[in-house]
Amino acid sequence: MSGSIPCSVHDLELFRQSGAAKRIPEEVTAGGDSGYQGLHDELPKHSVFVPHKATRGHPLTPDQKLVNRELSSIRIRVENTLAELKHFKILADRFRHALELYDDTFLSVVALVNPRIARRVLAAV
């Protein structure tokens, strides 16, 4: 994406500033990478997952490592899907068209990408 977001802003802080927490229905599970430590405080009524982080003097337990591996296998699918979407320049770059066209544009790209992802998922099973 274009450089409209300063790199020095923490992921969770960007989430807070976006106001997205108010728009996520309670029945939706929210998650993120380790940059979202504390997300459960922002979404107290939601099911939230973020990987465990080791701290100085407190290494991860084998159970925490297992949970992190499971979360990683979920997150990699999301990251790969985002990469697929970004193959389309209209989504990878700044959207320079009428804002009213964005939803239809996004849905059109998703309609092209979804069958590819479904084939990849089925091949992995």
Protein backbone atom coordinates (compact mmCIF):
# COMPACT_ATOMS: atom_id res chain seq x y z
CA MET A 1 0.00 0.00 0.00
CA SER A 2 1.04 3.58 -0.33
CA GLY A 3 3.03 5.20 2.44
CA SER A 4 0.14 7.04 4.09
CA ILE A 5 0.65 5.31 7.46
CA PRO A 6 3.78 6.18 9.43
CA CYS A 7 5.94 3.11 10.03
CA SER A 8 6.63 4.08 13.61
CA VAL A 9 3.02 3.62 14.75
CA HIS A 10 2.40 0.34 16.59
CA ASP A 11 -0.12 -2.05 14.98
CA LEU A 12 -2.40 -2.07 18.01
CA GLU A 13 -2.32 1.73 18.20
CA LEU A 14 -3.38 1.94 14.53
CA PHE A 15 -6.22 -0.45 15.36
CA ARG A 16 -7.29 1.78 18.26
CA GLN A 17 -7.16 4.91 16.11
CA SER A 18 -9.13 3.30 13.28
CA GLY A 19 -12.23 2.78 15.41
CA ALA A 20 -12.55 -0.73 13.96
CA ALA A 21 -13.27 -2.28 17.37
CA LYS A 22 -16.72 -0.68 17.34
CA ARG A 23 -17.52 -2.24 13.98
CA ILE A 24 -16.53 -5.84 14.74
CA PRO A 25 -19.58 -7.88 15.78
CA GLU A 26 -19.18 -9.77 19.08
CA GLU A 27 -19.66 -13.14 17.38
CA VAL A 28 -16.60 -12.55 15.17
CA THR A 29 -13.29 -13.97 16.35
CA ALA A 30 -10.49 -11.44 16.08
CA GLY A 31 -6.80 -12.19 15.86
CA GLY A 32 -3.47 -10.89 14.79
CA ASP A 33 0.24 -11.34 14.99
CA SER A 34 2.40 -10.51 17.98
CA GLY A 35 2.01 -6.80 17.21
CA TYR A 36 -1.50 -7.08 18.61
CA GLN A 37 -0.57 -8.05 22.18
CA GLY A 38 -3.35 -6.50 24.27
CA LEU A 39 -6.03 -6.85 21.59
CA HIS A 40 -8.22 -8.67 24.12
CA ASP A 41 -8.36 -5.43 26.15
CA GLU A 42 -9.76 -3.62 23.11
CA LEU A 43 -12.31 -6.38 22.40
CA PRO A 44 -13.29 -7.72 25.84
CA LYS A 45 -16.52 -9.36 24.62
CA HIS A 46 -14.90 -11.10 21.64
CA SER A 47 -13.00 -14.31 21.19
CA VAL A 48 -9.47 -13.04 20.49
CA PHE A 49 -6.29 -14.85 19.55
CA VAL A 50 -2.75 -13.54 19.38
CA PRO A 51 0.44 -15.55 19.74
CA HIS A 52 2.11 -15.86 23.12
CA LYS A 53 5.27 -13.85 23.54
CA ALA A 54 8.23 -14.89 25.63
CA THR A 55 9.55 -12.30 28.03
CA ARG A 56 12.90 -11.96 29.71
CA GLY A 57 13.16 -14.74 32.27
CA HIS A 58 9.88 -16.32 31.15
CA PRO A 59 10.37 -18.52 28.08
CA LEU A 60 7.36 -20.03 26.36
CA THR A 61 6.04 -23.31 27.70
CA PRO A 62 5.67 -26.28 25.33
CA ASP A 63 1.87 -25.70 25.36
CA GLN A 64 2.32 -22.04 24.42
CA LYS A 65 4.68 -23.04 21.60
CA LEU A 66 2.08 -25.51 20.32
CA VAL A 67 -0.64 -22.84 20.40
CA ASN A 68 1.67 -20.43 18.54
CA ARG A 69 2.33 -23.04 15.84
CA GLU A 70 -1.41 -23.62 15.40
CA LEU A 71 -2.09 -19.87 15.21
CA SER A 72 0.75 -19.52 12.72
CA SER A 73 -0.79 -22.13 10.43
CA ILE A 74 -4.03 -20.11 10.42
CA ARG A 75 -2.31 -16.75 9.98
CA ILE A 76 -0.20 -17.96 7.06
CA ARG A 77 -3.38 -18.69 5.11
CA VAL A 78 -4.55 -15.14 5.77
CA GLU A 79 -1.17 -13.70 4.76
CA ASN A 80 -1.13 -15.78 1.57
CA THR A 81 -4.64 -14.62 0.73
CA LEU A 82 -3.64 -10.98 1.20
CA ALA A 83 -0.64 -11.59 -1.06
CA GLU A 84 -2.96 -13.06 -3.71
CA LEU A 85 -5.17 -9.97 -3.51
CA LYS A 86 -2.16 -7.67 -3.83
CA HIS A 87 -1.26 -9.23 -7.18
CA PHE A 88 -3.97 -6.94 -8.47
CA LYS A 89 -2.48 -3.48 -8.68
CA ILE A 90 -5.82 -1.80 -8.04
CA LEU A 91 -5.75 -3.24 -4.50
CA ALA A 92 -2.00 -3.03 -3.94
CA ASP A 93 -1.73 0.69 -4.71
CA ARG A 94 -3.61 3.75 -3.58
CA PHE A 95 -7.19 3.56 -4.88
CA ARG A 96 -7.50 6.52 -7.26
CA HIS A 97 -11.10 6.11 -8.32
CA ALA A 98 -14.42 7.18 -6.86
CA LEU A 99 -14.74 5.73 -3.36
CA GLU A 100 -18.19 4.40 -4.27
CA LEU A 101 -16.47 1.97 -6.68
CA TYR A 102 -14.15 0.44 -4.08
CA ASP A 103 -16.50 -2.25 -2.72
CA ASP A 104 -17.42 -3.49 -6.19
CA THR A 105 -13.77 -3.43 -7.23
CA PHE A 106 -12.69 -5.37 -4.15
CA LEU A 107 -15.47 -7.94 -4.58
CA SER A 108 -14.53 -8.39 -8.25
CA VAL A 109 -10.93 -9.18 -7.33
CA VAL A 110 -12.09 -11.52 -4.55
CA ALA A 111 -14.29 -13.34 -7.09
CA LEU A 112 -11.17 -13.95 -9.19
CA VAL A 113 -8.94 -14.95 -6.28
CA ASN A 114 -11.32 -17.18 -4.28
CA PRO A 115 -11.34 -20.10 -6.76
CA ARG A 116 -7.51 -20.12 -6.80
CA ILE A 117 -7.38 -20.20 -3.02
CA ALA A 118 -10.03 -22.93 -2.85
CA ARG A 119 -8.02 -25.10 -5.28
CA ARG A 120 -4.86 -24.59 -3.21
CA VAL A 121 -6.65 -25.49 0.01
CA LEU A 122 -8.16 -28.63 -1.51
CA ALA A 123 -4.79 -29.69 -2.91
CA ALA A 124 -3.25 -29.37 0.57
CA VAL A 125 -5.84 -31.67 2.18
